[in-house]
Amino acid sequence: MNTDQCASLAKHDPFSELMRHQRAAIEAADSSAWFAVVATVGSDGYPCCRTLTIRSIGEGEITFHVSEHSPKIRHLEQNGKIELLFLWAKTLRQVRVRGRASWRQDEQLRNAWRNKPAGSKVADLMHAHQLRQSSVISGRNELLSERACAADRLRPDSQVPATVVTMRVEPDFFEFWVASPEDRMHDRRRYSCQGSDWILEHLVP
């Protein structure tokens, strides 16, 4: 790729494109519009995937609310590897994202937590004080019993537990896929961050 091509391609903004795709999914009433698959790599070397609710996209980052005690945070502490997958079936679009993850609790999260549904707050309190996320239990009866105990903890003035954090992913890689079912000549484009620029490359589907 020559210098002129790099300069031209660097003008592209993958964040704006990602937000356009999400808006299209929302307008199409795609039930996955606010979800992403988040993949990390465990200490055994195997990928581990789970679906999380997207809290925000924009301003150079994608955010999620997670438990600091969750396996995904342990994986990130060990090796820092993360990939996000957005799949919007109704619009036949997919986006892969890689980058650097960080996590902390801030005033924005504390304000958002105050407006969460009570059931979601109870789950956070249970994870913080009784059962850590992904820990082994005897069965669903134990889970529901512990949830009832957590519900007793909830008060109108309850504060967000210290274990609830905002996980921020700052991307340095995007790959967009837009389906073309009639001829299978799907549109695939990869954005790679080089310094402060985004370089766009077209890929064979």
Protein backbone atom coordinates (compact mmCIF):
# COMPACT_ATOMS: atom_id res chain seq x y z
CA MET A 1 0.00 0.00 0.00
CA ASN A 2 1.52 3.35 -0.98
CA THR A 3 1.58 6.55 1.08
CA ASP A 4 -1.31 8.19 -0.78
CA GLN A 5 -3.51 5.15 -0.24
CA CYS A 6 -2.69 5.13 3.50
CA ALA A 7 -3.51 8.83 3.83
CA SER A 8 -6.82 8.37 2.05
CA LEU A 9 -7.87 5.26 3.93
CA ALA A 10 -6.96 6.71 7.31
CA LYS A 11 -9.92 9.12 7.05
CA HIS A 12 -12.39 6.29 7.70
CA ASP A 13 -14.08 6.09 11.09
CA PRO A 14 -14.96 2.53 12.18
CA PHE A 15 -16.77 3.75 15.31
CA SER A 16 -19.27 5.69 13.22
CA GLU A 17 -19.75 2.66 10.99
CA LEU A 18 -20.31 0.38 14.00
CA MET A 19 -22.91 2.78 15.39
CA ARG A 20 -24.67 2.93 12.01
CA HIS A 21 -24.88 -0.86 11.92
CA GLN A 22 -26.25 -0.94 15.46
CA ARG A 23 -28.87 1.70 14.63
CA ALA A 24 -29.94 -0.38 11.62
CA ALA A 25 -30.33 -3.41 13.91
CA ILE A 26 -32.40 -1.38 16.37
CA GLU A 27 -34.63 -0.09 13.56
CA ALA A 28 -35.06 -3.67 12.31
CA ALA A 29 -36.15 -4.74 15.82
CA ASP A 30 -33.24 -7.17 16.07
CA SER A 31 -33.33 -8.63 19.59
CA SER A 32 -29.51 -8.75 19.59
CA ALA A 33 -29.05 -5.04 18.92
CA TRP A 34 -27.77 -4.40 22.46
CA PHE A 35 -25.75 -7.60 22.92
CA ALA A 36 -22.24 -8.71 22.00
CA VAL A 37 -20.33 -11.96 22.38
CA VAL A 38 -17.18 -11.31 24.42
CA ALA A 39 -14.32 -13.79 24.03
CA THR A 40 -11.34 -14.08 26.34
CA VAL A 41 -8.64 -16.75 26.71
CA GLY A 42 -8.42 -18.82 29.89
CA SER A 43 -5.31 -20.10 31.63
CA ASP A 44 -5.84 -23.45 29.86
CA GLY A 45 -5.38 -21.73 26.50
CA TYR A 46 -8.98 -22.24 25.39
CA PRO A 47 -11.22 -19.39 24.26
CA CYS A 48 -14.15 -18.60 26.53
CA CYS A 49 -17.20 -16.82 25.10
CA ARG A 50 -20.19 -15.21 26.76
CA THR A 51 -22.90 -12.72 25.74
CA LEU A 52 -22.98 -9.34 27.47
CA THR A 53 -25.24 -6.30 27.31
CA ILE A 54 -23.67 -3.35 25.49
CA ARG A 55 -23.79 -0.23 27.63
CA SER A 56 -22.33 2.26 25.15
CA ILE A 57 -20.49 2.60 21.85
CA GLY A 58 -18.55 5.71 20.97
CA GLU A 59 -15.82 8.15 21.99
CA GLY A 60 -13.13 5.58 21.27
CA GLU A 61 -14.52 2.81 23.44
CA ILE A 62 -17.20 0.15 23.90
CA THR A 63 -18.43 -0.41 27.44
CA PHE A 64 -20.04 -3.17 29.50
CA HIS A 65 -20.96 -3.49 33.19
CA VAL A 66 -19.40 -6.61 34.73
CA SER A 67 -18.40 -8.21 38.02
CA GLU A 68 -14.77 -7.71 38.95
CA HIS A 69 -14.78 -11.28 40.28
CA SER A 70 -15.91 -12.81 36.97
CA PRO A 71 -13.68 -15.21 34.99
CA LYS A 72 -13.42 -12.73 32.11
CA ILE A 73 -11.60 -10.26 34.36
CA ARG A 74 -9.23 -12.99 35.60
CA HIS A 75 -8.48 -13.92 31.99
CA LEU A 76 -7.76 -10.30 31.09
CA GLU A 77 -5.45 -9.93 34.08
CA GLN A 78 -3.55 -13.02 32.90
CA ASN A 79 -3.11 -12.25 29.21
CA GLY A 80 -5.10 -9.18 28.13
CA LYS A 81 -6.64 -10.91 25.09
CA ILE A 82 -10.21 -9.96 24.17
CA GLU A 83 -12.41 -10.03 21.10
CA LEU A 84 -16.00 -8.82 20.68
CA LEU A 85 -18.48 -10.15 18.15
CA PHE A 86 -21.61 -8.23 17.17
CA LEU A 87 -24.02 -10.34 15.10
CA TRP A 88 -27.19 -8.72 13.82
CA ALA A 89 -29.07 -11.44 11.94
CA LYS A 90 -32.00 -9.31 10.81
CA THR A 91 -29.71 -6.99 8.86
CA LEU A 92 -27.20 -9.73 7.96
CA ARG A 93 -24.25 -7.85 9.46
CA GLN A 94 -21.39 -8.90 11.70
CA VAL A 95 -18.57 -6.94 13.33
CA ARG A 96 -15.45 -8.29 15.06
CA VAL A 97 -13.50 -6.01 17.41
CA ARG A 98 -10.20 -6.41 19.25
CA GLY A 99 -8.45 -3.99 21.56
CA ARG A 100 -7.29 -3.19 25.06
CA ALA A 101 -9.61 -3.70 28.03
CA SER A 102 -9.62 -1.83 31.34
CA TRP A 103 -12.13 -1.74 34.17
CA ARG A 104 -12.99 0.52 37.08
CA GLN A 105 -15.94 1.96 38.95
CA ASP A 106 -16.78 5.62 38.40
CA GLU A 107 -19.53 8.14 39.08
CA GLN A 108 -21.24 7.41 35.76
CA LEU A 109 -21.60 3.74 36.73
CA ARG A 110 -22.81 4.63 40.22
CA ASN A 111 -25.51 6.87 38.73
CA ALA A 112 -26.53 4.23 36.21
CA TRP A 113 -26.78 1.59 38.94
CA ARG A 114 -29.30 3.67 40.87
CA ASN A 115 -31.65 3.40 37.87
CA LYS A 116 -31.23 -0.34 37.30
CA PRO A 117 -34.24 -2.65 37.78
CA ALA A 118 -34.47 -4.08 41.29
CA GLY A 119 -33.90 -7.63 40.05
CA SER A 120 -30.63 -6.66 38.43
CA LYS A 121 -29.48 -4.89 41.61
CA VAL A 122 -30.28 -8.01 43.64
CA ALA A 123 -28.13 -10.12 41.30
CA ASP A 124 -25.22 -7.69 41.76
CA LEU A 125 -25.59 -7.82 45.54
CA MET A 126 -25.67 -11.62 45.48
CA HIS A 127 -22.50 -11.78 43.38
CA ALA A 128 -20.76 -9.31 45.69
CA HIS A 129 -21.70 -10.78 49.06
CA GLN A 130 -22.72 -14.41 48.64
CA LEU A 131 -22.07 -16.29 45.40
CA ARG A 132 -19.31 -15.22 43.04
CA GLN A 133 -20.19 -15.37 39.38
CA SER A 134 -19.39 -18.80 37.83
CA SER A 135 -18.80 -20.45 41.23
CA VAL A 136 -20.13 -24.02 41.64
CA ILE A 137 -23.38 -24.52 43.57
CA SER A 138 -25.47 -27.55 44.52
CA GLY A 139 -28.38 -26.61 42.26
CA ARG A 140 -31.01 -24.04 41.39
CA ASN A 141 -32.64 -24.22 44.82
CA GLU A 142 -29.45 -22.93 46.41
CA LEU A 143 -29.26 -20.16 43.82
CA LEU A 144 -32.83 -19.01 44.49
CA SER A 145 -32.30 -19.21 48.26
CA GLU A 146 -29.22 -17.01 48.03
CA ARG A 147 -31.06 -14.63 45.73
CA ALA A 148 -33.80 -14.27 48.37
CA CYS A 149 -31.14 -13.41 50.95
CA ALA A 150 -29.67 -10.81 48.59
CA ALA A 151 -33.13 -9.33 48.03
CA ASP A 152 -33.34 -8.73 51.79
CA ARG A 153 -30.17 -6.63 51.51
CA LEU A 154 -31.65 -4.26 48.96
CA ARG A 155 -32.67 -0.89 50.36
CA PRO A 156 -33.86 2.31 48.64
CA ASP A 157 -30.49 3.87 49.43
CA SER A 158 -28.36 0.84 48.49
CA GLN A 159 -25.14 1.72 46.69
CA VAL A 160 -23.52 -0.13 43.83
CA PRO A 161 -21.29 -2.93 45.18
CA ALA A 162 -17.55 -2.33 44.86
CA THR A 163 -17.27 -5.44 42.68
CA VAL A 164 -19.43 -3.97 39.87
CA VAL A 165 -17.22 -2.18 37.34
CA THR A 166 -17.40 -0.70 33.87
CA MET A 167 -15.27 -2.68 31.44
CA ARG A 168 -13.99 -0.48 28.64
CA VAL A 169 -12.65 -1.90 25.40
CA GLU A 170 -10.55 0.53 23.37
CA PRO A 171 -10.41 -1.05 19.89
CA ASP A 172 -7.39 -1.20 17.63
CA PHE A 173 -9.00 -3.61 15.14
CA PHE A 174 -12.41 -3.84 13.46
CA GLU A 175 -13.63 -6.28 10.83
CA PHE A 176 -17.00 -5.60 9.21
CA TRP A 177 -19.00 -8.21 7.29
CA VAL A 178 -22.17 -7.34 5.37
CA ALA A 179 -23.89 -10.26 3.70
CA SER A 180 -24.71 -10.49 0.01
CA PRO A 181 -26.76 -13.73 -0.02
CA GLU A 182 -27.56 -13.70 -3.73
CA ASP A 183 -23.97 -14.10 -4.94
CA ARG A 184 -22.01 -14.70 -1.68
CA MET A 185 -19.79 -11.75 -2.55
CA HIS A 186 -20.05 -10.46 1.00
CA ASP A 187 -18.53 -7.10 1.84
CA ARG A 188 -15.58 -7.61 4.24
CA ARG A 189 -13.51 -4.68 5.45
CA ARG A 190 -10.78 -4.55 8.08
CA TYR A 191 -9.71 -1.44 9.98
CA SER A 192 -6.34 -1.48 11.76
CA CYS A 193 -5.16 1.31 14.02
CA GLN A 194 -1.73 2.72 13.20
CA GLY A 195 -0.85 5.54 15.53
CA SER A 196 -3.78 7.96 15.41
CA ASP A 197 -4.96 6.71 11.99
CA TRP A 198 -7.29 3.92 10.90
CA ILE A 199 -6.14 1.98 7.85
CA LEU A 200 -8.87 0.28 5.81
CA GLU A 201 -8.31 -2.93 3.84
CA HIS A 202 -10.86 -4.87 1.78
CA LEU A 203 -10.88 -8.66 2.25
CA VAL A 204 -11.98 -11.52 0.01
CA PRO A 205 -15.16 -13.05 1.49
